[in-house]
Amino acid sequence: MSASQPARVGRLAVIALAGLSLSSCGVNAVPTAEENAKAKWADVQAAFQERANLLPNLAAVAKGAATQEKEILTGVMEARAKATSPQVQVTANDLSDPAKMAAFQNAQNQLSQQLGGFSRLLANVERYPELKSITNYQMLQSQIEGQENRVRVSIRDYNQAVQAYNTTIRTFPDAIAAKIVYGAKPMVPYQAVTPGAEVAPSLEGKV
């Protein structure tokens, strides 16, 4: 064995130990938790987009509604426009920005509140004999209720992933890599701006 071989073996041993040490300090755990939270956020965005895509059907189904009920539909569509505006959208890179998250949450929560008004439209549908497509109302009722539930589930899953990530970057030994290697910042959970806004509006028994 040459004189350089022991030194090479020693260097390899140091590298191996360093790798094991870094692994135990969150080099893998931190990005894994981060990517999981980002994936869950993508699910939240998809659920909200599906809801936004569904809402134009309101105008088509309720064309014969009375003036006061059309005002409800107008409020829903205006809230939809705000919720889908590029100015309030949040990318995976914005999840640590409380201001951007607050703007997005506020816009979506306002839309949820407006959908609560849609339940009143369903309750009053029998007042308007010119509305012949009761089956369409019932179908739309089911679709919106189901979509609101998907939104709620996706938000719950995202918040759980954020909790796991935030715990990871704050607890030893993962916090070492989080601070030194990644400069990780806590992510912002999704919170309802108004009480109960994260709960799907109840549309049961309205038609």
Protein backbone atom coordinates (compact mmCIF):
# COMPACT_ATOMS: atom_id res chain seq x y z
CA MET A 1 0.00 0.00 0.00
CA SER A 2 1.43 3.36 -1.01
CA ALA A 3 1.70 6.24 1.40
CA SER A 4 -1.09 8.07 -0.38
CA GLN A 5 -3.57 5.24 0.00
CA PRO A 6 -4.17 5.66 3.76
CA ALA A 7 -4.74 9.36 3.19
CA ARG A 8 -7.23 8.60 0.40
CA VAL A 9 -9.04 6.09 2.59
CA GLY A 10 -9.14 8.69 5.35
CA ARG A 11 -10.63 11.30 3.04
CA LEU A 12 -13.28 8.85 1.85
CA ALA A 13 -14.13 8.04 5.45
CA VAL A 14 -14.49 11.74 6.26
CA ILE A 15 -16.71 12.28 3.22
CA ALA A 16 -18.86 9.30 4.18
CA LEU A 17 -19.19 10.53 7.76
CA ALA A 18 -19.98 14.04 6.55
CA GLY A 19 -22.67 12.67 4.26
CA LEU A 20 -24.24 10.71 7.07
CA SER A 21 -24.02 13.73 9.34
CA LEU A 22 -25.65 16.05 6.81
CA SER A 23 -28.32 13.47 6.08
CA SER A 24 -29.20 13.33 9.76
CA CYS A 25 -29.30 17.13 9.84
CA GLY A 26 -32.15 17.51 7.39
CA VAL A 27 -30.39 17.82 4.04
CA ASN A 28 -32.94 15.39 2.66
CA ALA A 29 -35.79 15.92 5.11
CA VAL A 30 -36.14 19.66 4.53
CA PRO A 31 -36.55 19.62 0.72
CA THR A 32 -38.76 16.54 0.95
CA ALA A 33 -41.15 18.33 3.32
CA GLU A 34 -40.99 21.48 1.20
CA GLU A 35 -41.82 19.72 -2.04
CA ASN A 36 -44.69 17.89 -0.37
CA ALA A 37 -46.18 21.19 0.82
CA LYS A 38 -45.77 22.71 -2.65
CA ALA A 39 -47.52 19.71 -4.20
CA LYS A 40 -50.41 20.10 -1.78
CA TRP A 41 -50.62 23.79 -2.65
CA ALA A 42 -50.91 22.82 -6.31
CA ASP A 43 -53.92 20.70 -5.30
CA VAL A 44 -55.46 23.73 -3.57
CA GLN A 45 -54.99 25.83 -6.70
CA ALA A 46 -56.48 23.12 -8.87
CA ALA A 47 -59.54 22.83 -6.63
CA PHE A 48 -60.12 26.58 -6.70
CA GLN A 49 -59.66 26.67 -10.48
CA GLU A 50 -62.19 23.87 -10.93
CA ARG A 51 -64.62 25.86 -8.81
CA ALA A 52 -64.02 28.98 -10.88
CA ASN A 53 -64.60 27.01 -14.08
CA LEU A 54 -67.90 25.72 -12.75
CA LEU A 55 -69.40 29.07 -11.76
CA PRO A 56 -70.21 30.46 -15.24
CA ASN A 57 -72.89 27.76 -15.40
CA LEU A 58 -74.80 29.80 -12.81
CA ALA A 59 -75.68 32.47 -15.33
CA ALA A 60 -76.76 29.92 -17.93
CA VAL A 61 -78.95 27.93 -15.54
CA ALA A 62 -80.53 30.91 -13.77
CA LYS A 63 -81.29 33.22 -16.69
CA GLY A 64 -84.95 33.43 -15.69
CA ALA A 65 -84.38 34.46 -12.08
CA ALA A 66 -85.92 37.63 -10.71
CA THR A 67 -83.95 40.86 -10.50
CA GLN A 68 -82.95 40.48 -6.85
CA GLU A 69 -81.66 36.99 -7.53
CA LYS A 70 -79.68 38.19 -10.53
CA GLU A 71 -77.90 40.51 -8.12
CA ILE A 72 -76.74 37.45 -6.22
CA LEU A 73 -75.38 35.95 -9.42
CA THR A 74 -73.65 39.23 -10.23
CA GLY A 75 -71.97 39.16 -6.82
CA VAL A 76 -70.80 35.60 -7.39
CA MET A 77 -69.33 36.41 -10.79
CA GLU A 78 -67.63 39.57 -9.53
CA ALA A 79 -66.10 37.61 -6.66
CA ARG A 80 -65.00 34.95 -9.14
CA ALA A 81 -63.27 37.59 -11.27
CA LYS A 82 -61.37 38.87 -8.25
CA ALA A 83 -60.46 35.37 -7.04
CA THR A 84 -59.00 34.46 -10.44
CA SER A 85 -57.20 37.76 -10.97
CA PRO A 86 -53.44 37.44 -11.63
CA GLN A 87 -52.83 40.05 -8.92
CA VAL A 88 -53.93 37.67 -6.15
CA GLN A 89 -52.49 34.40 -7.43
CA VAL A 90 -49.89 32.60 -5.30
CA THR A 91 -47.12 30.44 -6.72
CA ALA A 92 -45.15 27.81 -4.84
CA ASN A 93 -42.40 30.41 -4.34
CA ASP A 94 -44.83 32.73 -2.53
CA LEU A 95 -45.86 30.32 0.20
CA SER A 96 -43.62 32.10 2.72
CA ASP A 97 -45.12 35.52 1.92
CA PRO A 98 -47.91 36.31 4.43
CA ALA A 99 -49.16 39.34 2.46
CA LYS A 100 -49.64 37.44 -0.80
CA MET A 101 -51.25 34.53 0.99
CA ALA A 102 -53.63 36.89 2.82
CA ALA A 103 -54.72 38.55 -0.44
CA PHE A 104 -55.36 35.16 -2.07
CA GLN A 105 -57.25 33.81 0.93
CA ASN A 106 -59.38 36.94 1.20
CA ALA A 107 -60.42 36.76 -2.46
CA GLN A 108 -61.32 33.07 -2.23
CA ASN A 109 -63.19 33.52 1.03
CA GLN A 110 -65.26 36.32 -0.48
CA LEU A 111 -66.23 33.98 -3.29
CA SER A 112 -67.23 31.32 -0.75
CA GLN A 113 -69.46 33.86 0.98
CA GLN A 114 -71.10 34.78 -2.31
CA LEU A 115 -71.80 31.10 -2.96
CA GLY A 116 -73.73 31.11 0.29
CA GLY A 117 -76.04 33.58 -1.44
CA PHE A 118 -76.47 31.11 -4.26
CA SER A 119 -78.06 28.72 -1.77
CA ARG A 120 -80.77 31.34 -1.26
CA LEU A 121 -81.34 31.37 -5.01
CA LEU A 122 -81.89 27.64 -4.90
CA ALA A 123 -84.30 28.04 -2.00
CA ASN A 124 -86.38 30.54 -3.96
CA VAL A 125 -86.39 28.78 -7.29
CA GLU A 126 -90.02 27.68 -6.95
CA ARG A 127 -91.09 31.32 -6.92
CA TYR A 128 -90.23 31.63 -10.57
CA PRO A 129 -92.43 29.46 -12.79
CA GLU A 130 -90.46 30.57 -15.85
CA LEU A 131 -87.56 28.45 -14.62
CA LYS A 132 -88.17 25.09 -16.23
CA SER A 133 -84.79 23.46 -15.70
CA ILE A 134 -85.19 22.35 -12.08
CA THR A 135 -83.13 19.26 -12.89
CA ASN A 136 -80.31 21.54 -13.97
CA TYR A 137 -80.53 23.40 -10.68
CA GLN A 138 -80.30 20.16 -8.75
CA MET A 139 -77.32 19.02 -10.82
CA LEU A 140 -75.56 22.36 -10.33
CA GLN A 141 -76.32 22.24 -6.62
CA SER A 142 -74.62 18.87 -6.36
CA GLN A 143 -71.62 19.98 -8.42
CA ILE A 144 -70.99 23.13 -6.42
CA GLU A 145 -71.41 21.38 -3.08
CA GLY A 146 -69.02 18.64 -4.19
CA GLN A 147 -66.47 21.16 -5.42
CA GLU A 148 -66.61 23.15 -2.19
CA ASN A 149 -65.91 19.94 -0.31
CA ARG A 150 -62.90 19.25 -2.55
CA VAL A 151 -61.64 22.75 -1.81
CA ARG A 152 -61.99 22.12 1.91
CA VAL A 153 -60.15 18.78 1.73
CA SER A 154 -57.30 20.21 -0.35
CA ILE A 155 -56.86 23.09 2.12
CA ARG A 156 -56.77 20.63 5.02
CA ASP A 157 -54.11 18.52 3.29
CA TYR A 158 -52.05 21.61 2.47
CA ASN A 159 -52.17 22.86 6.05
CA GLN A 160 -51.04 19.46 7.31
CA ALA A 161 -48.10 19.51 4.88
CA VAL A 162 -47.19 23.06 5.94
CA GLN A 163 -47.30 22.04 9.59
CA ALA A 164 -44.95 19.14 8.86
CA TYR A 165 -42.55 21.39 6.91
CA ASN A 166 -42.56 24.18 9.51
CA THR A 167 -41.92 21.62 12.25
CA THR A 168 -39.08 20.10 10.27
CA ILE A 169 -37.21 23.38 9.77
CA ARG A 170 -37.57 24.31 13.45
CA THR A 171 -36.56 21.06 15.15
CA PHE A 172 -33.10 19.59 15.72
CA PRO A 173 -31.25 18.22 13.84
CA ASP A 174 -33.17 19.16 10.66
CA ALA A 175 -33.07 22.83 11.62
CA ILE A 176 -29.29 22.84 10.99
CA ALA A 177 -29.65 22.15 7.27
CA ALA A 178 -32.77 24.30 7.08
CA LYS A 179 -30.84 27.33 8.28
CA ILE A 180 -27.31 26.75 6.95
CA VAL A 181 -27.94 24.93 3.67
CA TYR A 182 -31.36 26.14 2.53
CA GLY A 183 -32.09 29.36 4.40
CA ALA A 184 -35.58 27.95 4.83
CA LYS A 185 -38.46 30.18 5.87
CA PRO A 186 -41.76 29.03 7.43
CA MET A 187 -44.64 28.56 5.02
CA VAL A 188 -48.00 30.23 5.59
CA PRO A 189 -50.99 27.97 6.30
CA TYR A 190 -54.30 28.68 4.64
CA GLN A 191 -56.59 30.49 7.05
CA ALA A 192 -60.19 31.66 6.72
CA VAL A 193 -60.42 35.44 6.87
CA THR A 194 -64.01 35.20 8.06
CA PRO A 195 -65.36 32.61 10.52
CA GLY A 196 -66.63 29.53 8.76
CA ALA A 197 -65.45 30.61 5.31
CA GLU A 198 -63.42 27.44 4.96
CA VAL A 199 -66.56 25.32 5.31
CA ALA A 200 -68.56 24.41 2.24
CA PRO A 201 -71.88 26.26 2.09
CA SER A 202 -74.82 24.01 2.88
CA LEU A 203 -77.12 23.64 -0.11
CA GLU A 204 -79.04 20.61 1.10
CA GLY A 205 -82.81 20.65 0.99
CA LYS A 206 -82.99 23.91 -0.95
CA VAL A 207 -84.84 22.68 -4.01
